[in-house]
N, C-alpha and C. Protein backbone atom coordinates (compact mmCIF):
# COMPACT_ATOMS: atom_id res chain seq x y z
N MET A 1 -24.96 -31.39 11.57
CA MET A 1 -24.68 -31.26 10.40
C MET A 1 -23.80 -30.51 9.80
N LYS A 2 -22.35 -30.58 8.96
CA LYS A 2 -21.24 -29.56 8.73
C LYS A 2 -21.62 -29.00 7.40
N THR A 3 -21.77 -27.80 7.05
CA THR A 3 -21.78 -27.26 5.79
C THR A 3 -20.04 -27.13 4.90
N GLN A 4 -20.17 -27.66 3.65
CA GLN A 4 -18.59 -27.68 3.16
C GLN A 4 -19.00 -27.03 2.15
N SER A 5 -17.85 -26.53 1.29
CA SER A 5 -17.82 -25.51 0.51
C SER A 5 -17.86 -26.32 -0.95
N VAL A 6 -18.64 -25.99 -2.47
CA VAL A 6 -18.54 -26.69 -3.18
C VAL A 6 -17.48 -27.07 -3.72
N LEU A 7 -16.36 -25.41 -3.48
CA LEU A 7 -15.22 -25.37 -4.07
C LEU A 7 -14.32 -25.87 -2.80
N ASN A 8 -13.36 -26.63 -3.58
CA ASN A 8 -12.42 -27.32 -2.30
C ASN A 8 -11.26 -27.54 -2.96
N ASN A 9 -10.49 -28.00 -2.05
CA ASN A 9 -9.44 -29.04 -2.54
C ASN A 9 -8.59 -27.99 -3.56
N PHE A 10 -8.26 -26.65 -3.65
CA PHE A 10 -7.27 -25.43 -4.68
C PHE A 10 -6.94 -25.20 -3.76
N ASP A 11 -5.43 -24.27 -4.39
CA ASP A 11 -4.69 -23.72 -3.75
C ASP A 11 -4.75 -21.96 -4.28
N GLU A 12 -4.60 -20.98 -2.82
CA GLU A 12 -5.22 -19.53 -3.26
C GLU A 12 -3.78 -18.77 -2.91
N TYR A 13 -3.43 -17.93 -4.11
CA TYR A 13 -2.17 -17.17 -4.05
C TYR A 13 -2.69 -15.22 -3.66
N THR A 14 -2.40 -14.86 -3.15
CA THR A 14 -2.69 -13.48 -2.92
C THR A 14 -1.71 -12.71 -2.28
N MET A 15 -1.88 -11.35 -2.28
CA MET A 15 -0.67 -10.54 -1.82
C MET A 15 -0.29 -10.88 -0.61
N LEU A 16 -0.93 -12.21 0.43
CA LEU A 16 -0.40 -12.20 1.58
C LEU A 16 0.51 -13.14 1.54
N SER A 17 -0.03 -14.65 0.56
CA SER A 17 0.47 -15.43 0.85
C SER A 17 0.59 -15.94 -1.16
N ALA A 18 1.91 -15.29 -2.23
CA ALA A 18 1.78 -15.13 -3.51
C ALA A 18 2.54 -16.40 -3.91
N LYS A 19 3.00 -17.27 -2.94
CA LYS A 19 3.59 -18.76 -3.17
C LYS A 19 4.75 -18.55 -4.21
N SER A 20 4.44 -19.72 -5.00
CA SER A 20 5.73 -19.98 -6.42
C SER A 20 5.53 -18.77 -7.53
N LEU A 21 4.13 -17.82 -7.20
CA LEU A 21 3.55 -16.66 -8.43
C LEU A 21 4.32 -15.45 -8.07
N ALA A 22 5.25 -15.44 -6.46
CA ALA A 22 5.45 -14.26 -6.09
C ALA A 22 6.30 -13.20 -7.32
N PRO A 23 7.29 -14.01 -7.67
CA PRO A 23 8.04 -13.08 -8.88
C PRO A 23 7.21 -12.89 -10.27
N TYR A 24 6.44 -13.13 -9.90
CA TYR A 24 5.28 -13.11 -11.47
C TYR A 24 4.11 -12.22 -11.12
N ILE A 25 3.72 -11.48 -10.32
CA ILE A 25 2.90 -10.69 -10.06
C ILE A 25 2.69 -9.49 -10.52
N GLY A 26 3.85 -8.62 -10.40
CA GLY A 26 4.33 -7.49 -10.64
C GLY A 26 5.96 -7.72 -11.61
N PHE A 27 6.05 -6.74 -11.60
CA PHE A 27 7.91 -6.67 -12.35
C PHE A 27 8.58 -6.46 -10.91
N THR A 28 9.59 -7.48 -11.65
CA THR A 28 10.56 -7.36 -10.18
C THR A 28 11.40 -5.99 -10.64
N GLU A 29 12.37 -5.94 -9.71
CA GLU A 29 13.29 -5.05 -9.72
C GLU A 29 14.41 -5.13 -10.79
N GLU A 30 14.86 -6.26 -10.84
CA GLU A 30 15.70 -6.36 -11.97
C GLU A 30 15.25 -6.32 -13.40
N GLU A 31 13.88 -6.88 -13.23
CA GLU A 31 13.53 -6.14 -14.94
C GLU A 31 12.82 -4.93 -15.19
N VAL A 32 12.35 -4.08 -13.64
CA VAL A 32 12.70 -2.55 -13.93
C VAL A 32 13.97 -1.81 -14.31
N ARG A 33 15.03 -2.22 -13.70
CA ARG A 33 16.47 -1.74 -14.13
C ARG A 33 16.29 -1.60 -15.82
N GLY A 34 16.01 -3.29 -16.08
CA GLY A 34 16.44 -3.33 -17.45
C GLY A 34 15.61 -2.69 -18.51
N LEU A 35 13.85 -2.05 -18.16
CA LEU A 35 13.02 -1.42 -18.73
C LEU A 35 13.99 0.28 -18.29
N CYS A 36 14.20 0.42 -17.57
CA CYS A 36 14.81 2.09 -17.13
C CYS A 36 16.00 1.76 -18.47
N GLY A 37 16.93 0.94 -18.22
CA GLY A 37 17.92 1.16 -19.85
C GLY A 37 17.32 1.73 -20.84
N LYS A 38 16.36 0.60 -21.23
CA LYS A 38 15.90 0.71 -22.15
C LYS A 38 14.74 1.73 -22.93
N TYR A 39 14.05 2.43 -21.81
CA TYR A 39 13.37 3.52 -22.37
C TYR A 39 13.62 4.92 -21.41
N ASN A 40 15.08 4.79 -21.48
CA ASN A 40 15.77 5.57 -20.81
C ASN A 40 14.75 6.25 -19.87
N ARG A 41 14.91 5.77 -18.79
CA ARG A 41 13.82 5.97 -17.71
C ARG A 41 14.80 6.42 -16.05
N ASP A 42 14.71 7.08 -15.50
CA ASP A 42 15.50 7.22 -13.88
C ASP A 42 15.19 6.09 -13.10
N PHE A 43 15.81 5.08 -12.68
CA PHE A 43 15.28 4.51 -12.01
C PHE A 43 14.89 4.34 -10.35
N SER A 44 15.64 5.56 -10.08
CA SER A 44 15.53 5.80 -8.67
C SER A 44 14.34 6.43 -8.53
N SER A 45 13.81 6.92 -9.65
CA SER A 45 12.44 7.50 -9.45
C SER A 45 11.44 6.63 -9.60
N VAL A 46 11.29 6.22 -10.80
CA VAL A 46 10.33 4.80 -10.77
C VAL A 46 10.44 3.98 -9.13
N LYS A 47 11.80 3.51 -8.64
CA LYS A 47 11.24 2.90 -7.93
C LYS A 47 10.86 3.83 -6.59
N GLN A 48 10.83 4.92 -6.54
CA GLN A 48 10.27 5.91 -5.61
C GLN A 48 8.72 5.97 -5.62
N TRP A 49 8.20 5.63 -7.13
CA TRP A 49 7.01 5.86 -7.72
C TRP A 49 6.33 4.71 -7.31
N TYR A 50 6.69 3.20 -7.56
CA TYR A 50 5.80 2.08 -7.78
C TYR A 50 6.45 0.95 -7.24
N ASP A 51 7.51 1.18 -6.40
CA ASP A 51 7.90 -0.22 -5.97
C ASP A 51 7.15 -0.54 -4.72
N GLY A 52 7.68 -1.15 -3.73
CA GLY A 52 6.88 -1.06 -2.35
C GLY A 52 6.24 -2.18 -2.10
N TYR A 53 6.28 -3.29 -2.89
CA TYR A 53 5.25 -4.55 -2.23
C TYR A 53 6.42 -5.50 -2.14
N ILE A 54 6.24 -6.36 -1.51
CA ILE A 54 7.55 -7.86 -0.52
C ILE A 54 6.55 -8.47 -1.25
N LEU A 55 6.70 -9.86 -1.60
CA LEU A 55 6.44 -10.82 -1.67
C LEU A 55 7.21 -11.92 -1.21
N ALA A 56 6.43 -12.57 -1.05
CA ALA A 56 7.75 -14.00 -0.34
C ALA A 56 7.02 -15.78 -1.07
N ASN A 57 8.15 -16.14 -1.34
CA ASN A 57 8.25 -17.40 -1.64
C ASN A 57 9.10 -17.92 -1.30
N ASP A 58 9.06 -19.26 -0.44
CA ASP A 58 10.05 -20.27 0.37
C ASP A 58 11.50 -19.83 0.42
N GLY A 59 11.20 -18.32 1.81
CA GLY A 59 12.17 -17.76 2.04
C GLY A 59 13.09 -16.57 1.26
N THR A 60 12.36 -16.42 0.14
CA THR A 60 13.10 -15.49 -0.60
C THR A 60 11.99 -14.15 -1.16
N PHE A 61 12.51 -13.20 -0.48
CA PHE A 61 11.76 -12.05 -0.77
C PHE A 61 11.97 -11.26 -2.34
N TYR A 62 10.74 -10.93 -2.66
CA TYR A 62 10.29 -9.98 -3.96
C TYR A 62 10.28 -8.63 -3.70
N SER A 63 10.66 -8.26 -4.08
CA SER A 63 10.56 -6.22 -4.43
C SER A 63 9.90 -6.12 -5.97
N VAL A 64 8.79 -6.21 -5.47
CA VAL A 64 7.44 -5.73 -7.21
C VAL A 64 6.95 -4.73 -7.27
N TYR A 65 6.81 -4.61 -8.73
CA TYR A 65 6.54 -3.10 -8.88
C TYR A 65 5.25 -2.81 -9.70
N ASN A 66 4.16 -2.22 -8.99
CA ASN A 66 3.18 -2.19 -10.13
C ASN A 66 3.69 -2.53 -11.82
N PRO A 67 2.76 -3.25 -12.31
CA PRO A 67 3.19 -3.58 -13.64
C PRO A 67 2.31 -2.51 -14.59
N LYS A 68 1.09 -2.10 -14.51
CA LYS A 68 0.27 -1.37 -15.32
C LYS A 68 1.46 0.21 -15.22
N ALA A 69 1.72 0.99 -14.06
CA ALA A 69 2.24 2.09 -13.94
C ALA A 69 3.29 1.74 -14.58
N VAL A 70 4.28 0.39 -14.05
CA VAL A 70 5.58 0.84 -14.63
C VAL A 70 5.56 0.61 -16.11
N VAL A 71 4.78 -0.22 -16.87
CA VAL A 71 4.18 0.25 -18.65
C VAL A 71 3.74 1.50 -18.85
N ASN A 72 3.42 2.12 -17.87
CA ASN A 72 2.61 3.57 -18.48
C ASN A 72 4.03 4.48 -18.43
N VAL A 73 4.62 4.72 -16.99
CA VAL A 73 6.10 5.58 -17.38
C VAL A 73 6.91 5.04 -17.95
N MET A 74 7.04 4.19 -18.66
CA MET A 74 7.99 3.49 -19.60
C MET A 74 7.49 4.11 -21.01
N LEU A 75 6.38 4.35 -21.39
CA LEU A 75 5.91 4.66 -22.45
C LEU A 75 5.58 6.19 -22.24
N TRP A 76 5.22 6.87 -21.69
CA TRP A 76 4.75 8.30 -21.78
C TRP A 76 5.50 9.00 -20.68
N GLY A 77 6.70 8.41 -19.74
CA GLY A 77 7.60 9.02 -19.56
C GLY A 77 7.01 10.08 -18.17
N GLU A 78 5.81 10.03 -17.73
CA GLU A 78 5.14 11.07 -16.91
C GLU A 78 5.17 9.99 -15.39
N PHE A 79 5.38 10.74 -14.22
CA PHE A 79 5.75 10.01 -12.61
C PHE A 79 4.03 10.55 -12.52
N GLN A 80 3.36 10.04 -12.00
CA GLN A 80 2.10 10.10 -12.11
C GLN A 80 0.91 9.15 -11.41
N SER A 81 0.00 8.94 -10.41
CA SER A 81 -0.98 7.86 -10.31
C SER A 81 -1.56 7.34 -10.97
N TYR A 82 -1.03 6.35 -12.20
CA TYR A 82 -2.05 5.50 -12.59
C TYR A 82 -3.13 4.62 -12.20
N TRP A 83 -2.84 4.75 -10.43
CA TRP A 83 -3.68 4.05 -9.77
C TRP A 83 -5.38 4.16 -10.39
N SER A 84 -5.28 5.54 -9.96
CA SER A 84 -6.49 5.95 -10.15
C SER A 84 -7.44 5.46 -12.19
N GLN A 85 -6.70 5.02 -12.52
CA GLN A 85 -7.78 5.15 -14.16
C GLN A 85 -7.71 3.65 -13.92
N THR A 86 -7.52 2.95 -12.76
CA THR A 86 -7.74 1.33 -12.91
C THR A 86 -9.01 1.22 -11.55
N GLY A 87 -8.88 1.89 -10.33
CA GLY A 87 -10.03 1.44 -9.75
C GLY A 87 -10.21 2.60 -8.87
N SER A 88 -11.43 2.52 -8.09
CA SER A 88 -11.71 3.74 -7.30
C SER A 88 -11.28 3.09 -5.84
N PHE A 89 -10.91 4.52 -4.85
CA PHE A 89 -10.17 4.39 -3.84
C PHE A 89 -12.09 4.82 -3.00
N GLU A 90 -13.16 5.11 -3.70
CA GLU A 90 -14.34 5.25 -2.46
C GLU A 90 -15.01 4.22 -1.62
N THR A 91 -14.38 2.79 -2.69
CA THR A 91 -14.82 1.53 -1.81
C THR A 91 -14.48 1.55 -0.38
N ILE A 92 -13.46 2.37 -0.02
CA ILE A 92 -13.25 2.03 1.75
C ILE A 92 -12.88 3.71 1.90
N GLU A 93 -13.39 4.68 1.46
CA GLU A 93 -13.11 6.10 2.03
C GLU A 93 -14.13 6.00 3.26
N GLN A 94 -15.25 5.51 2.93
CA GLN A 94 -16.20 5.70 4.08
C GLN A 94 -15.92 4.84 5.57
N TYR A 95 -14.98 3.75 5.63
CA TYR A 95 -14.63 2.97 6.43
C TYR A 95 -13.50 3.98 7.19
N ILE A 96 -12.55 4.86 6.11
CA ILE A 96 -11.46 5.71 6.94
C ILE A 96 -12.51 6.31 7.40
N ASN A 97 -13.33 7.12 7.10
CA ASN A 97 -13.68 8.23 7.42
C ASN A 97 -14.61 8.35 9.03
N ARG A 98 -14.82 6.94 9.09
CA ARG A 98 -15.73 6.88 10.22
C ARG A 98 -14.65 5.92 11.19
N ASN A 99 -13.47 6.44 11.04
CA ASN A 99 -12.60 6.22 12.30
C ASN A 99 -12.56 4.85 13.00
N ILE A 100 -12.69 3.72 12.05
CA ILE A 100 -13.25 2.67 12.75
C ILE A 100 -11.81 1.91 13.41
N ASP A 101 -12.23 1.62 15.10
CA ASP A 101 -11.32 1.40 15.56
C ASP A 101 -9.54 2.17 15.41
N GLY A 102 -9.81 3.65 15.08
CA GLY A 102 -8.49 4.75 15.13
C GLY A 102 -8.27 4.40 13.67
N LEU A 103 -8.83 3.89 12.59
CA LEU A 103 -8.26 3.25 10.96
C LEU A 103 -7.67 4.66 10.78
N LYS A 104 -8.32 5.99 10.69
CA LYS A 104 -7.99 7.65 9.88
C LYS A 104 -6.84 7.32 10.86
N ASP A 105 -6.47 7.78 12.13
CA ASP A 105 -5.57 7.91 12.68
C ASP A 105 -4.08 7.23 12.21
N THR A 106 -4.22 5.80 12.00
CA THR A 106 -3.28 4.81 11.07
C THR A 106 -3.19 5.26 9.90
N VAL A 107 -3.89 5.72 8.98
CA VAL A 107 -3.90 6.05 8.01
C VAL A 107 -2.90 7.47 7.80
N ILE A 108 -3.28 8.51 8.80
CA ILE A 108 -2.33 9.12 9.20
C ILE A 108 -1.06 9.39 9.32
N ALA A 109 -1.02 8.21 9.85
CA ALA A 109 0.17 7.54 10.91
C ALA A 109 1.46 7.35 9.24
N MET A 110 0.46 6.42 8.74
CA MET A 110 1.12 5.70 7.40
C MET A 110 1.72 7.05 6.36
N LEU A 111 0.80 8.00 6.40
CA LEU A 111 0.95 9.05 5.33
C LEU A 111 2.29 9.53 5.59
N SER A 112 2.63 9.60 6.86
CA SER A 112 4.22 10.48 7.53
C SER A 112 5.34 9.15 7.28
N GLY A 113 4.62 8.22 7.07
CA GLY A 113 5.99 7.38 6.46
C GLY A 113 6.05 5.98 7.70
N ASP A 114 4.59 6.04 8.66
CA ASP A 114 5.14 5.04 9.33
C ASP A 114 4.51 3.65 9.00
N ASP A 115 4.67 2.93 9.80
CA ASP A 115 4.07 1.02 9.21
C ASP A 115 3.42 0.98 10.56
N ALA A 116 2.36 0.24 10.66
CA ALA A 116 1.05 -0.13 11.37
C ALA A 116 0.98 -2.16 11.64
N ARG A 117 1.16 -2.15 12.54
CA ARG A 117 1.09 -3.32 13.06
C ARG A 117 -0.39 -4.04 12.30
N VAL A 118 -0.36 -5.25 12.08
CA VAL A 118 -1.92 -5.46 11.29
C VAL A 118 -1.94 -7.27 11.94
N ASN A 119 -3.07 -8.06 12.37
CA ASN A 119 -3.34 -9.53 12.26
C ASN A 119 -3.90 -9.77 11.35
N VAL A 120 -3.47 -10.11 10.04
CA VAL A 120 -3.76 -10.69 9.03
C VAL A 120 -4.48 -11.90 8.66
N THR A 121 -4.57 -12.58 10.30
CA THR A 121 -5.03 -13.84 9.65
C THR A 121 -6.60 -13.63 10.46
N LEU A 122 -6.98 -12.59 10.75
CA LEU A 122 -8.25 -12.33 11.36
C LEU A 122 -9.02 -12.02 10.00
N PHE A 123 -8.63 -11.54 9.27
CA PHE A 123 -9.42 -11.70 7.69
C PHE A 123 -10.25 -12.50 7.63
N ARG A 124 -11.47 -12.81 7.00
CA ARG A 124 -12.23 -13.99 6.23
C ARG A 124 -12.00 -14.61 4.98
N ASN A 125 -11.07 -13.39 4.38
CA ASN A 125 -11.04 -13.44 2.90
C ASN A 125 -11.98 -13.19 1.82
N ASP A 126 -12.99 -12.80 2.80
CA ASP A 126 -14.28 -12.42 1.78
C ASP A 126 -14.21 -11.03 1.19
N LEU A 127 -14.07 -10.58 0.23
CA LEU A 127 -13.99 -9.48 -0.46
C LEU A 127 -15.35 -8.62 -0.63
N ASP A 128 -16.33 -9.00 0.05
CA ASP A 128 -17.65 -8.08 0.67
C ASP A 128 -17.25 -7.26 1.75
N GLU A 129 -17.73 -6.19 1.07
CA GLU A 129 -17.57 -4.99 1.90
C GLU A 129 -17.83 -4.85 3.11
N ARG A 130 -19.56 -5.61 2.95
CA ARG A 130 -20.30 -5.68 4.39
C ARG A 130 -19.61 -6.65 5.64
N SER A 131 -18.61 -7.65 5.29
CA SER A 131 -17.58 -8.35 6.12
C SER A 131 -16.58 -7.36 7.11
N LEU A 132 -16.80 -6.18 6.51
CA LEU A 132 -15.55 -5.40 7.14
C LEU A 132 -15.90 -4.84 8.52
N LYS A 133 -15.61 -5.36 9.95
CA LYS A 133 -16.25 -5.12 10.92
C LYS A 133 -15.31 -4.22 11.75
N SER A 134 -13.54 -4.51 11.40
CA SER A 134 -12.70 -3.85 12.46
C SER A 134 -11.61 -2.99 11.22
N LYS A 135 -10.62 -3.03 12.43
CA LYS A 135 -9.66 -2.22 11.81
C LYS A 135 -8.79 -3.19 10.83
N GLU A 136 -8.50 -3.89 11.78
CA GLU A 136 -7.40 -4.85 11.12
C GLU A 136 -8.13 -5.64 9.79
N ASP A 137 -9.75 -6.06 9.86
CA ASP A 137 -10.34 -6.53 8.68
C ASP A 137 -10.02 -5.41 7.23
N ILE A 138 -9.98 -4.02 7.55
CA ILE A 138 -9.69 -3.29 6.58
C ILE A 138 -8.48 -2.99 5.87
N LEU A 139 -7.80 -3.14 7.02
CA LEU A 139 -6.30 -3.13 6.33
C LEU A 139 -5.67 -3.83 5.61
N THR A 140 -6.61 -5.59 6.15
CA THR A 140 -6.09 -6.21 5.27
C THR A 140 -6.98 -6.55 3.99
N PHE A 141 -7.96 -6.21 4.05
CA PHE A 141 -8.45 -6.13 2.78
C PHE A 141 -7.73 -5.34 1.79
N LEU A 142 -7.41 -3.97 2.25
CA LEU A 142 -6.62 -2.58 1.25
C LEU A 142 -5.69 -3.26 0.79
N ILE A 143 -4.71 -4.86 1.53
CA ILE A 143 -3.54 -5.29 1.43
C ILE A 143 -3.83 -5.92 -0.11
N HIS A 144 -5.19 -6.52 -0.02
CA HIS A 144 -5.46 -7.36 -0.86
C HIS A 144 -6.04 -6.54 -2.45
N LEU A 145 -6.18 -5.15 -2.26
CA LEU A 145 -6.76 -4.62 -3.32
C LEU A 145 -5.45 -3.45 -4.04
N GLY A 146 -4.26 -3.75 -3.37
CA GLY A 146 -2.85 -3.36 -3.82
C GLY A 146 -2.97 -1.70 -3.11
N TYR A 147 -3.76 -1.31 -2.28
CA TYR A 147 -3.57 -0.03 -1.58
C TYR A 147 -2.71 -0.14 -0.84
N LEU A 148 -2.49 -1.05 -0.36
CA LEU A 148 -1.18 -1.00 1.24
C LEU A 148 -0.68 -2.37 0.52
N ALA A 149 0.75 -2.15 1.59
CA ALA A 149 1.28 -3.53 1.44
C ALA A 149 1.57 -3.81 2.92
N TYR A 150 2.37 -5.23 2.62
CA TYR A 150 2.16 -6.09 3.97
C TYR A 150 3.88 -6.31 4.13
N ASN A 151 4.54 -6.21 5.01
CA ASN A 151 5.84 -6.38 5.13
C ASN A 151 5.79 -8.13 5.95
N PRO A 152 5.84 -9.10 5.31
CA PRO A 152 5.97 -10.72 5.98
C PRO A 152 6.76 -10.95 7.17
N ILE A 153 7.94 -10.09 7.23
CA ILE A 153 9.07 -10.27 8.33
C ILE A 153 8.51 -9.32 9.81
N TRP A 154 8.32 -8.23 9.74
CA TRP A 154 7.78 -7.34 10.85
C TRP A 154 5.81 -7.21 10.74
N LYS A 155 5.37 -8.36 10.19
CA LYS A 155 4.11 -8.01 10.38
C LYS A 155 3.54 -6.83 10.75
N THR A 156 3.76 -5.87 9.43
CA THR A 156 3.00 -4.28 9.28
C THR A 156 2.88 -4.31 7.95
N VAL A 157 1.83 -3.02 8.02
CA VAL A 157 1.45 -2.58 7.23
C VAL A 157 1.83 -1.46 6.71
N TYR A 158 1.84 -0.54 5.72
CA TYR A 158 2.18 0.75 5.13
C TYR A 158 2.00 1.18 3.72
N ILE A 159 2.27 2.33 3.39
CA ILE A 159 1.90 3.24 2.13
C ILE A 159 3.23 2.68 1.17
N PRO A 160 2.98 2.00 0.48
CA PRO A 160 3.99 1.27 -0.70
C PRO A 160 5.06 2.04 -1.34
N ASN A 161 4.44 3.32 -2.01
CA ASN A 161 5.05 3.96 -2.60
C ASN A 161 4.34 5.50 -3.02
N GLU A 162 5.25 6.17 -3.88
CA GLU A 162 4.17 7.76 -4.36
C GLU A 162 2.95 7.10 -4.61
N GLU A 163 2.95 6.55 -5.88
CA GLU A 163 1.52 6.52 -6.02
C GLU A 163 0.92 6.46 -5.15
N ILE A 164 0.62 4.96 -4.54
CA ILE A 164 -0.58 4.90 -3.57
C ILE A 164 -0.72 6.11 -2.54
N ARG A 165 0.58 6.79 -2.43
CA ARG A 165 0.80 7.67 -1.02
C ARG A 165 -0.17 9.03 -2.11
N GLN A 166 -0.22 9.33 -2.99
CA GLN A 166 -0.95 10.53 -3.64
C GLN A 166 -2.81 10.04 -3.83
N GLU A 167 -2.67 8.98 -3.73
CA GLU A 167 -3.94 8.20 -3.71
C GLU A 167 -4.95 8.70 -2.23
N PHE A 168 -3.87 8.33 -1.29
CA PHE A 168 -4.50 8.05 -0.18
C PHE A 168 -4.53 9.92 0.35
N VAL A 169 -3.50 10.73 -0.07
CA VAL A 169 -3.57 12.45 0.08
C VAL A 169 -4.78 12.83 -0.42
N ASN A 170 -5.52 12.19 -2.06
CA ASN A 170 -6.42 12.62 -2.45
C ASN A 170 -7.34 12.33 -1.96
N ALA A 171 -7.67 11.05 -1.42
CA ALA A 171 -8.61 10.83 -0.34
C ALA A 171 -9.01 11.65 1.09
N THR A 172 -7.42 11.80 1.63
CA THR A 172 -7.63 12.68 2.65
C THR A 172 -8.07 14.06 2.47
N ALA A 173 -7.42 14.50 1.19
CA ALA A 173 -7.88 15.97 0.66
C ALA A 173 -9.46 16.18 0.40
N ASP A 174 -10.01 15.43 -0.14
CA ASP A 174 -11.33 15.14 -0.35
C ASP A 174 -12.20 15.38 0.79
N ARG A 175 -11.86 15.15 1.53
CA ARG A 175 -12.86 14.81 2.87
C ARG A 175 -12.26 15.95 3.96
N GLY A 176 -11.03 17.10 3.56
CA GLY A 176 -10.78 18.30 4.62
C GLY A 176 -10.25 17.36 5.88
N TRP A 177 -9.14 16.52 5.57
CA TRP A 177 -8.73 15.96 7.38
C TRP A 177 -8.55 17.12 7.88
N SER A 178 -9.10 17.66 8.75
CA SER A 178 -8.21 18.94 9.64
C SER A 178 -7.03 18.71 10.34
N GLU A 179 -7.03 16.67 10.67
CA GLU A 179 -6.10 16.05 11.57
C GLU A 179 -4.67 16.00 11.04
N LEU A 180 -4.86 15.89 9.36
CA LEU A 180 -3.46 15.24 8.77
C LEU A 180 -2.94 17.08 8.59
N GLN A 181 -3.66 18.08 8.50
CA GLN A 181 -3.10 19.41 8.08
C GLN A 181 -2.61 19.77 9.87
N GLN A 182 -3.29 19.20 11.14
CA GLN A 182 -2.46 19.83 12.12
C GLN A 182 -1.05 19.26 12.27
N PHE A 183 -1.49 17.39 11.76
CA PHE A 183 -0.24 16.64 12.14
C PHE A 183 0.99 17.16 11.50
N GLU A 184 0.49 17.87 9.90
CA GLU A 184 2.16 18.35 9.68
C GLU A 184 2.25 19.31 9.89
N ILE A 185 1.49 20.48 10.25
CA ILE A 185 1.68 21.67 10.92
C ILE A 185 2.81 21.49 12.49
N GLU A 186 2.54 20.17 13.39
CA GLU A 186 2.80 20.09 14.31
C GLU A 186 4.44 19.31 13.87
N SER A 187 4.48 18.76 13.01
CA SER A 187 5.78 18.10 12.67
C SER A 187 6.73 19.18 12.14
N ILE A 188 5.99 20.37 11.28
CA ILE A 188 7.03 21.24 10.79
C ILE A 188 7.75 21.91 11.71
N SER A 189 6.70 22.38 12.56
CA SER A 189 7.26 23.12 13.89
C SER A 189 7.88 22.22 14.54
N LEU A 190 7.96 20.83 15.11
CA LEU A 190 8.68 20.42 15.88
C LEU A 190 10.12 20.25 15.42
N LEU A 191 10.35 19.98 13.56
CA LEU A 191 11.59 19.97 13.18
C LEU A 191 12.22 21.12 13.38
N GLU A 192 11.64 22.47 12.97
CA GLU A 192 12.02 23.52 13.17
C GLU A 192 12.74 23.91 14.49
N ALA A 193 11.95 23.47 15.41
CA ALA A 193 12.61 23.95 17.33
C ALA A 193 13.95 23.10 17.34
N THR A 194 13.72 21.55 16.47
CA THR A 194 14.68 20.99 16.57
C THR A 194 16.11 21.47 16.13
N LEU A 195 15.92 21.86 14.84
CA LEU A 195 17.04 22.45 14.19
C LEU A 195 17.58 23.73 14.99
N ASP A 196 16.92 24.70 15.72
CA ASP A 196 16.77 25.93 16.54
C ASP A 196 17.60 25.47 17.29
N ILE A 197 17.71 24.12 18.14
CA ILE A 197 18.62 24.07 19.34
C ILE A 197 20.18 23.74 18.81
N GLY A 198 19.95 23.40 17.49
CA GLY A 198 21.26 22.84 17.29
C GLY A 198 22.49 21.61 17.92
N PRO A 199 23.36 21.41 17.95
CA PRO A 199 24.30 20.65 18.91
C PRO A 199 24.40 20.78 20.02
N GLN A 200 24.83 20.44 21.06
CA GLN A 200 25.19 20.66 22.46
C GLN A 200 25.95 20.53 22.61
C-alpha cells in the first residue's frame, strides 16, 4: 500500500523555482533604480549591498533585491545588514562548524568570491533541520532561507551580496575560524608576490 500526502495537486513557488512570481518576490532592479532616484540613494551601493538573487520564469531572468533591506536603506540611508534583525544564523552555524562534506571549506571559498557547484535536486524540500544530512542538503536549505543564492544557468550557489556576506563573516568570526584568517593572509601574500614580479 502506498501512502499519499493529504496535501496534493498544488503548485510550489520557491527560491529555486519561483515561476510567474519571480519578479514579485523582491524588488526588481528597475524598481530599485526608481527608489534610489526618489530617495536620493546611490544605486551602485544599494546593488552591492542588497542585490544578487537570480530568479527565473519562462526563460526570463530577474535580478531580485531583498525588499526589507531596500526599504530600510531608503528610509534610514545606512548601508548595513538588516538581515540579522529578521532571522538567526544559529540554525545552520552548527552544520558549518562540523564541516559536513567540506561545507566549512566551501563557505570560506564563497567568502572569497567563489561559486560552488550544488545539486539542488537531492534536497527533499523539508525545512526540518534534522533532515540535513549532506553538504548539498545544507546549501540548498540556505538557498531556500535566502542566506545563499542560486545561479540556475551554472547550477552554482554563492553569497549574493554584502549584506549576507557580513552575516557569514560574523558567523565565522564568532567561531574564530583560523582557516579563514590563514586564507586571507595567504591571499594577501600571493597578491603582493605577484605584484612584486611585475610585467615580464
